[in-house]
N, C-alpha and C. Protein backbone atom coordinates (compact mmCIF):
# COMPACT_ATOMS: atom_id res chain seq x y z
N MET A 1 98.35 102.99 -43.23
CA MET A 1 97.50 102.91 -44.55
C MET A 1 96.60 104.04 -44.51
N ARG A 2 96.62 104.83 -45.55
CA ARG A 2 95.68 105.99 -45.61
C ARG A 2 94.63 105.72 -46.71
N LEU A 3 93.49 106.07 -46.44
CA LEU A 3 92.34 105.85 -47.38
C LEU A 3 92.29 107.20 -48.21
N ARG A 4 92.01 106.83 -49.39
CA ARG A 4 91.91 108.14 -50.36
C ARG A 4 90.54 108.80 -50.05
N PRO A 5 90.38 110.03 -50.33
CA PRO A 5 89.20 110.76 -50.15
C PRO A 5 88.00 110.26 -50.95
N ALA A 6 88.30 109.72 -52.09
CA ALA A 6 87.29 109.20 -53.01
C ALA A 6 86.63 107.89 -52.42
N VAL A 7 87.44 107.15 -51.71
CA VAL A 7 87.04 105.93 -51.07
C VAL A 7 85.98 106.33 -49.86
N LEU A 8 86.47 107.37 -49.13
CA LEU A 8 85.66 107.87 -47.90
C LEU A 8 84.41 108.38 -48.39
N VAL A 9 84.36 109.12 -49.46
CA VAL A 9 83.15 109.71 -49.92
C VAL A 9 82.24 108.61 -50.49
N GLY A 10 82.73 107.60 -51.24
CA GLY A 10 81.92 106.45 -51.66
C GLY A 10 81.28 105.64 -50.41
N ALA A 11 82.09 105.47 -49.43
CA ALA A 11 81.61 104.73 -48.27
C ALA A 11 80.49 105.56 -47.52
N LEU A 12 80.72 106.83 -47.48
CA LEU A 12 79.72 107.77 -46.92
C LEU A 12 78.47 107.79 -47.68
N VAL A 13 78.47 107.72 -48.96
CA VAL A 13 77.26 107.77 -49.79
C VAL A 13 76.51 106.41 -49.61
N LEU A 14 77.26 105.27 -49.62
CA LEU A 14 76.56 103.96 -49.34
C LEU A 14 75.97 103.84 -48.02
N LEU A 15 76.53 104.50 -47.04
CA LEU A 15 75.98 104.39 -45.62
C LEU A 15 74.69 105.30 -45.54
N THR A 16 74.67 106.36 -46.16
CA THR A 16 73.64 107.26 -46.10
C THR A 16 72.41 106.75 -47.01
N ALA A 17 72.73 106.03 -48.12
CA ALA A 17 71.75 105.54 -49.06
C ALA A 17 71.04 104.22 -48.54
N ALA A 18 71.77 103.53 -47.75
CA ALA A 18 71.17 102.22 -47.23
C ALA A 18 69.82 102.35 -46.62
N PRO A 19 69.62 103.36 -45.63
CA PRO A 19 68.27 103.37 -45.12
C PRO A 19 67.23 103.69 -46.01
N ALA A 20 67.49 104.45 -47.03
CA ALA A 20 66.50 104.86 -48.02
C ALA A 20 66.08 103.64 -48.93
N SER A 21 67.08 102.86 -49.22
CA SER A 21 66.84 101.69 -50.11
C SER A 21 66.28 100.45 -49.27
N ALA A 22 66.29 100.60 -48.05
CA ALA A 22 65.74 99.46 -47.15
C ALA A 22 64.17 99.58 -47.10
N GLN A 23 63.63 100.63 -47.44
CA GLN A 23 62.17 100.77 -47.48
C GLN A 23 61.68 99.96 -48.62
N ALA A 24 60.61 99.29 -48.35
CA ALA A 24 59.92 98.53 -49.52
C ALA A 24 59.37 99.36 -50.51
N PRO A 25 59.55 98.99 -51.77
CA PRO A 25 59.07 99.87 -52.82
C PRO A 25 57.48 99.69 -52.86
N SER A 26 56.91 100.84 -53.30
CA SER A 26 55.42 100.89 -53.38
C SER A 26 55.01 100.41 -54.80
N ILE A 27 53.84 99.71 -54.81
CA ILE A 27 53.24 99.47 -56.10
C ILE A 27 52.05 100.38 -56.36
N PRO A 28 51.58 100.46 -57.53
CA PRO A 28 50.46 101.39 -57.82
C PRO A 28 49.27 100.99 -56.89
N GLY A 29 48.57 102.03 -56.44
CA GLY A 29 47.50 101.83 -55.59
C GLY A 29 47.90 102.16 -54.13
N GLY A 30 49.08 102.37 -53.82
CA GLY A 30 49.51 102.75 -52.50
C GLY A 30 49.92 101.58 -51.62
N LEU A 31 49.84 100.33 -52.12
CA LEU A 31 50.21 99.22 -51.19
C LEU A 31 51.83 99.04 -51.18
N ARG A 32 52.29 98.57 -50.25
CA ARG A 32 53.71 98.30 -50.18
C ARG A 32 53.99 96.85 -50.32
N GLN A 33 55.01 96.50 -51.01
CA GLN A 33 55.44 95.14 -51.21
C GLN A 33 56.14 94.72 -49.91
N GLN A 34 55.99 93.53 -49.62
CA GLN A 34 56.61 93.03 -48.32
C GLN A 34 58.16 92.59 -48.69
N ASP A 35 58.97 93.02 -47.77
CA ASP A 35 60.38 92.61 -47.94
C ASP A 35 60.53 91.01 -47.90
N PRO A 36 61.20 90.47 -48.72
CA PRO A 36 61.45 88.98 -48.75
C PRO A 36 61.91 88.50 -47.39
N LEU A 37 62.83 89.18 -46.76
CA LEU A 37 63.27 88.70 -45.43
C LEU A 37 62.12 88.75 -44.30
N ASP A 38 61.27 89.84 -44.45
CA ASP A 38 60.11 89.98 -43.59
C ASP A 38 59.27 88.79 -43.80
N ALA A 39 58.88 88.42 -45.11
CA ALA A 39 58.05 87.36 -45.44
C ALA A 39 58.53 86.03 -44.80
N LEU A 40 59.80 85.96 -45.00
CA LEU A 40 60.46 84.68 -44.49
C LEU A 40 60.39 84.56 -42.98
N ARG A 41 60.61 85.69 -42.25
CA ARG A 41 60.46 85.73 -40.79
C ARG A 41 59.09 85.47 -40.37
N ASP A 42 58.18 86.07 -41.00
CA ASP A 42 56.75 85.90 -40.72
C ASP A 42 56.34 84.37 -40.88
N SER A 43 56.78 83.72 -41.97
CA SER A 43 56.41 82.33 -42.25
C SER A 43 57.00 81.43 -41.24
N THR A 44 58.14 81.75 -40.73
CA THR A 44 58.80 80.85 -39.73
C THR A 44 58.23 81.00 -38.34
N ARG A 45 57.59 82.15 -38.11
CA ARG A 45 57.07 82.41 -36.76
C ARG A 45 55.63 82.10 -36.60
N ARG A 46 54.98 81.56 -37.70
CA ARG A 46 53.60 81.08 -37.66
C ARG A 46 53.48 79.87 -36.86
N PRO A 47 52.37 79.78 -36.05
CA PRO A 47 52.21 78.63 -35.22
C PRO A 47 52.01 77.36 -36.10
N LEU A 48 52.50 76.23 -35.60
CA LEU A 48 52.30 75.01 -36.28
C LEU A 48 50.95 74.52 -36.19
N PRO A 49 50.42 73.94 -37.25
CA PRO A 49 49.06 73.34 -37.21
C PRO A 49 49.00 72.22 -36.17
N THR A 50 47.85 72.19 -35.56
CA THR A 50 47.67 71.13 -34.58
C THR A 50 47.27 69.84 -35.20
N VAL A 51 47.63 68.76 -34.66
CA VAL A 51 47.34 67.39 -35.24
C VAL A 51 46.20 66.87 -34.35
N PRO A 52 45.07 66.40 -34.97
CA PRO A 52 44.06 65.86 -34.20
C PRO A 52 44.54 64.60 -33.50
N SER A 53 44.08 64.40 -32.32
CA SER A 53 44.49 63.24 -31.51
C SER A 53 43.80 61.96 -32.14
N ARG A 54 44.45 60.82 -32.03
CA ARG A 54 43.88 59.60 -32.50
C ARG A 54 42.90 59.14 -31.52
N PRO A 55 41.75 58.58 -32.01
CA PRO A 55 40.84 57.99 -31.11
C PRO A 55 41.43 56.81 -30.29
N ALA A 56 41.09 56.58 -29.06
CA ALA A 56 41.55 55.46 -28.30
C ALA A 56 40.92 54.18 -28.91
N PRO A 57 41.66 53.15 -28.91
CA PRO A 57 41.22 51.82 -29.51
C PRO A 57 40.07 51.33 -28.63
N PRO A 58 39.08 50.59 -29.14
CA PRO A 58 38.05 50.13 -28.46
C PRO A 58 38.58 49.21 -27.35
N ALA A 59 37.90 49.36 -26.21
CA ALA A 59 38.36 48.54 -25.04
C ALA A 59 38.28 47.02 -25.33
N GLY A 60 39.34 46.27 -25.05
CA GLY A 60 39.40 44.86 -25.30
C GLY A 60 39.88 44.58 -26.68
N ARG A 61 40.00 45.45 -27.63
CA ARG A 61 40.44 45.16 -28.98
C ARG A 61 41.94 45.20 -29.06
N GLN A 62 42.57 45.96 -28.32
CA GLN A 62 44.09 46.23 -28.38
C GLN A 62 44.65 45.57 -27.12
N VAL A 63 45.85 44.92 -27.28
CA VAL A 63 46.57 44.35 -26.15
C VAL A 63 47.96 44.98 -26.21
N TRP A 64 48.34 45.48 -25.06
CA TRP A 64 49.66 46.07 -24.88
C TRP A 64 50.72 44.90 -24.48
N VAL A 65 51.77 44.76 -25.27
CA VAL A 65 52.79 43.70 -24.92
C VAL A 65 53.96 44.51 -24.49
N PRO A 66 54.46 44.31 -23.21
CA PRO A 66 55.55 45.09 -22.77
C PRO A 66 56.86 44.55 -23.39
N ASP A 67 57.99 45.35 -23.15
CA ASP A 67 59.26 44.86 -23.53
C ASP A 67 59.50 43.42 -23.11
N ARG A 68 60.09 42.65 -23.93
CA ARG A 68 60.43 41.27 -23.41
C ARG A 68 61.84 40.81 -24.19
N HIS A 69 62.39 39.85 -23.66
CA HIS A 69 63.54 39.20 -24.18
C HIS A 69 63.19 37.80 -24.54
N VAL A 70 63.44 37.43 -25.82
CA VAL A 70 63.10 36.09 -26.29
C VAL A 70 64.31 35.47 -26.87
N THR A 71 64.28 34.12 -26.99
CA THR A 71 65.40 33.40 -27.62
C THR A 71 65.04 33.14 -29.06
N VAL A 72 65.96 33.30 -29.89
CA VAL A 72 65.79 33.15 -31.33
C VAL A 72 66.85 32.18 -31.85
N PRO A 73 66.41 31.16 -32.62
CA PRO A 73 67.39 30.14 -33.08
C PRO A 73 68.41 30.91 -33.91
N GLY A 74 69.73 30.60 -33.77
CA GLY A 74 70.82 31.10 -34.54
C GLY A 74 71.36 32.47 -33.96
N VAL A 75 70.76 32.96 -32.86
CA VAL A 75 71.28 34.20 -32.27
C VAL A 75 71.74 33.84 -30.89
N ALA A 76 73.04 34.34 -30.55
CA ALA A 76 73.63 34.03 -29.35
C ALA A 76 73.00 35.03 -28.29
N GLY A 77 72.32 34.61 -27.28
CA GLY A 77 71.84 35.47 -26.23
C GLY A 77 70.38 35.83 -26.67
N PRO A 78 69.70 36.50 -25.57
CA PRO A 78 68.27 36.84 -25.76
C PRO A 78 68.14 38.07 -26.70
N VAL A 79 67.14 38.16 -27.38
CA VAL A 79 66.78 39.35 -28.30
C VAL A 79 65.80 40.12 -27.56
N HIS A 80 66.10 41.46 -27.52
CA HIS A 80 65.15 42.43 -26.91
C HIS A 80 64.12 42.87 -27.93
N VAL A 81 62.88 42.65 -27.58
CA VAL A 81 61.75 43.11 -28.41
C VAL A 81 61.04 44.24 -27.64
N PRO A 82 60.92 45.37 -28.29
CA PRO A 82 60.31 46.57 -27.59
C PRO A 82 58.81 46.35 -27.31
N GLY A 83 58.24 47.10 -26.50
CA GLY A 83 56.83 47.06 -26.21
C GLY A 83 56.03 47.48 -27.39
N HIS A 84 54.86 46.95 -27.58
CA HIS A 84 54.07 47.31 -28.70
C HIS A 84 52.65 47.00 -28.57
N TRP A 85 51.66 47.38 -29.35
CA TRP A 85 50.36 47.05 -29.26
C TRP A 85 50.00 46.03 -30.33
N GLU A 86 49.15 44.96 -29.94
CA GLU A 86 48.77 44.05 -30.81
C GLU A 86 47.15 44.00 -30.79
N ARG A 87 46.63 43.66 -31.99
CA ARG A 87 45.20 43.65 -32.17
C ARG A 87 44.58 42.31 -31.92
N ARG A 88 43.67 42.24 -30.97
CA ARG A 88 43.02 41.04 -30.49
C ARG A 88 42.06 40.55 -31.72
N ILE A 89 42.29 39.22 -32.05
CA ILE A 89 41.38 38.62 -33.05
C ILE A 89 40.37 37.75 -32.43
N SER A 90 40.86 36.91 -31.45
CA SER A 90 39.94 36.05 -30.62
C SER A 90 40.56 35.92 -29.23
N ASP A 91 39.94 35.03 -28.37
CA ASP A 91 40.48 34.88 -27.10
C ASP A 91 41.88 34.19 -27.09
N ARG A 92 42.23 33.53 -28.19
CA ARG A 92 43.55 32.86 -28.37
C ARG A 92 44.48 33.34 -29.32
N GLU A 93 44.02 34.38 -30.09
CA GLU A 93 44.89 34.82 -31.26
C GLU A 93 44.91 36.39 -31.33
N VAL A 94 46.05 36.88 -31.69
CA VAL A 94 46.22 38.31 -31.91
C VAL A 94 47.01 38.54 -33.18
N TYR A 95 46.80 39.80 -33.71
CA TYR A 95 47.63 40.18 -34.90
C TYR A 95 48.71 41.03 -34.39
N ALA A 96 49.97 40.59 -34.66
CA ALA A 96 51.17 41.32 -34.24
C ALA A 96 51.70 42.27 -35.37
N PRO A 97 52.20 43.38 -35.11
CA PRO A 97 52.69 44.24 -36.27
C PRO A 97 54.14 43.71 -36.44
N PRO A 98 54.68 44.27 -37.58
CA PRO A 98 56.08 43.99 -37.78
C PRO A 98 56.97 44.59 -36.74
N LEU A 99 57.93 43.73 -36.28
CA LEU A 99 58.84 44.20 -35.11
C LEU A 99 60.32 44.05 -35.47
N VAL A 100 61.11 44.77 -34.89
CA VAL A 100 62.50 44.72 -35.04
C VAL A 100 63.08 44.55 -33.57
N GLY A 101 63.68 43.36 -33.31
CA GLY A 101 64.35 43.10 -32.02
C GLY A 101 65.82 43.42 -32.12
N VAL A 102 66.48 43.57 -31.01
CA VAL A 102 67.89 43.95 -30.91
C VAL A 102 68.64 42.91 -30.23
N THR A 103 69.63 42.27 -30.80
CA THR A 103 70.54 41.33 -30.19
C THR A 103 71.57 41.90 -29.23
N PRO A 104 72.19 41.09 -28.47
CA PRO A 104 73.10 41.68 -27.44
C PRO A 104 74.28 42.46 -28.13
N ASP A 105 74.53 42.02 -29.48
CA ASP A 105 75.58 42.62 -30.23
C ASP A 105 75.12 43.95 -30.85
N GLY A 106 73.83 44.28 -30.69
CA GLY A 106 73.28 45.51 -31.31
C GLY A 106 72.81 45.34 -32.82
N LEU A 107 72.71 44.19 -33.20
CA LEU A 107 72.10 43.91 -34.56
C LEU A 107 70.60 43.79 -34.45
N GLY A 108 69.91 44.09 -35.52
CA GLY A 108 68.45 44.00 -35.61
C GLY A 108 68.00 42.73 -36.15
N VAL A 109 66.89 42.21 -35.56
CA VAL A 109 66.28 40.90 -36.00
C VAL A 109 64.88 41.28 -36.41
N TYR A 110 64.49 41.07 -37.65
CA TYR A 110 63.10 41.38 -38.14
C TYR A 110 62.19 40.22 -37.80
N PHE A 111 61.02 40.62 -37.25
CA PHE A 111 59.95 39.74 -37.03
C PHE A 111 58.78 40.17 -37.91
N PRO A 112 58.28 39.41 -38.89
CA PRO A 112 57.24 39.81 -39.83
C PRO A 112 55.90 39.91 -39.01
N PRO A 113 54.97 40.67 -39.59
CA PRO A 113 53.62 40.74 -38.97
C PRO A 113 52.95 39.40 -39.21
N GLY A 114 51.93 39.21 -38.35
CA GLY A 114 51.04 38.01 -38.51
C GLY A 114 50.18 37.59 -37.40
N VAL A 115 49.46 36.63 -37.49
CA VAL A 115 48.61 36.12 -36.38
C VAL A 115 49.44 35.26 -35.50
N ARG A 116 49.34 35.54 -34.27
CA ARG A 116 50.09 34.70 -33.26
C ARG A 116 49.25 34.38 -32.08
N PRO A 117 49.64 33.47 -31.23
CA PRO A 117 48.91 33.11 -29.96
C PRO A 117 49.06 34.48 -28.99
N VAL A 118 48.16 34.54 -28.14
CA VAL A 118 48.15 35.61 -27.19
C VAL A 118 49.48 35.69 -26.56
N PRO A 119 49.92 36.85 -26.06
CA PRO A 119 51.22 36.94 -25.56
C PRO A 119 51.64 36.04 -24.28
N GLU A 120 50.58 35.79 -23.53
CA GLU A 120 50.82 34.88 -22.29
C GLU A 120 51.15 33.54 -22.74
N LEU A 121 50.82 33.00 -23.97
CA LEU A 121 50.97 31.61 -24.35
C LEU A 121 52.11 31.41 -25.32
N ARG A 122 52.93 32.42 -25.61
CA ARG A 122 53.96 32.21 -26.69
C ARG A 122 55.32 32.54 -26.12
N GLN A 123 56.38 32.06 -26.82
CA GLN A 123 57.64 32.27 -26.41
C GLN A 123 58.41 33.26 -27.38
N SER A 124 57.76 33.48 -28.54
CA SER A 124 58.44 34.37 -29.51
C SER A 124 57.71 35.71 -29.43
N PRO A 125 58.20 36.67 -30.13
CA PRO A 125 57.62 38.07 -30.07
C PRO A 125 56.23 38.03 -30.55
């Protein structure tokens, strides 16, 4: 396969013109416009903003409930409930957040939020 001289000349012109066109055009006043790819690269290399840390809950107001397995009527086998924080209301009651337990079959069981007895005194999540 032979290339025609016109094709070779056209390719040569494109290759020599590419570096000249790669320069960012100037705007009046002598400032250069930023290449869109440079702007994209710069925006992706910017450091991420830091998130302020949450303050620790007041001592005695939050109760950590570790992972547990509970029995639920209508479910064959124990339901795994992940560890979570509960807010202490009194010496005998806590407010539990909404939870999702996992059955041995891998299905989810929803436990709505609400006031419950302290973890030491209850059989449910």
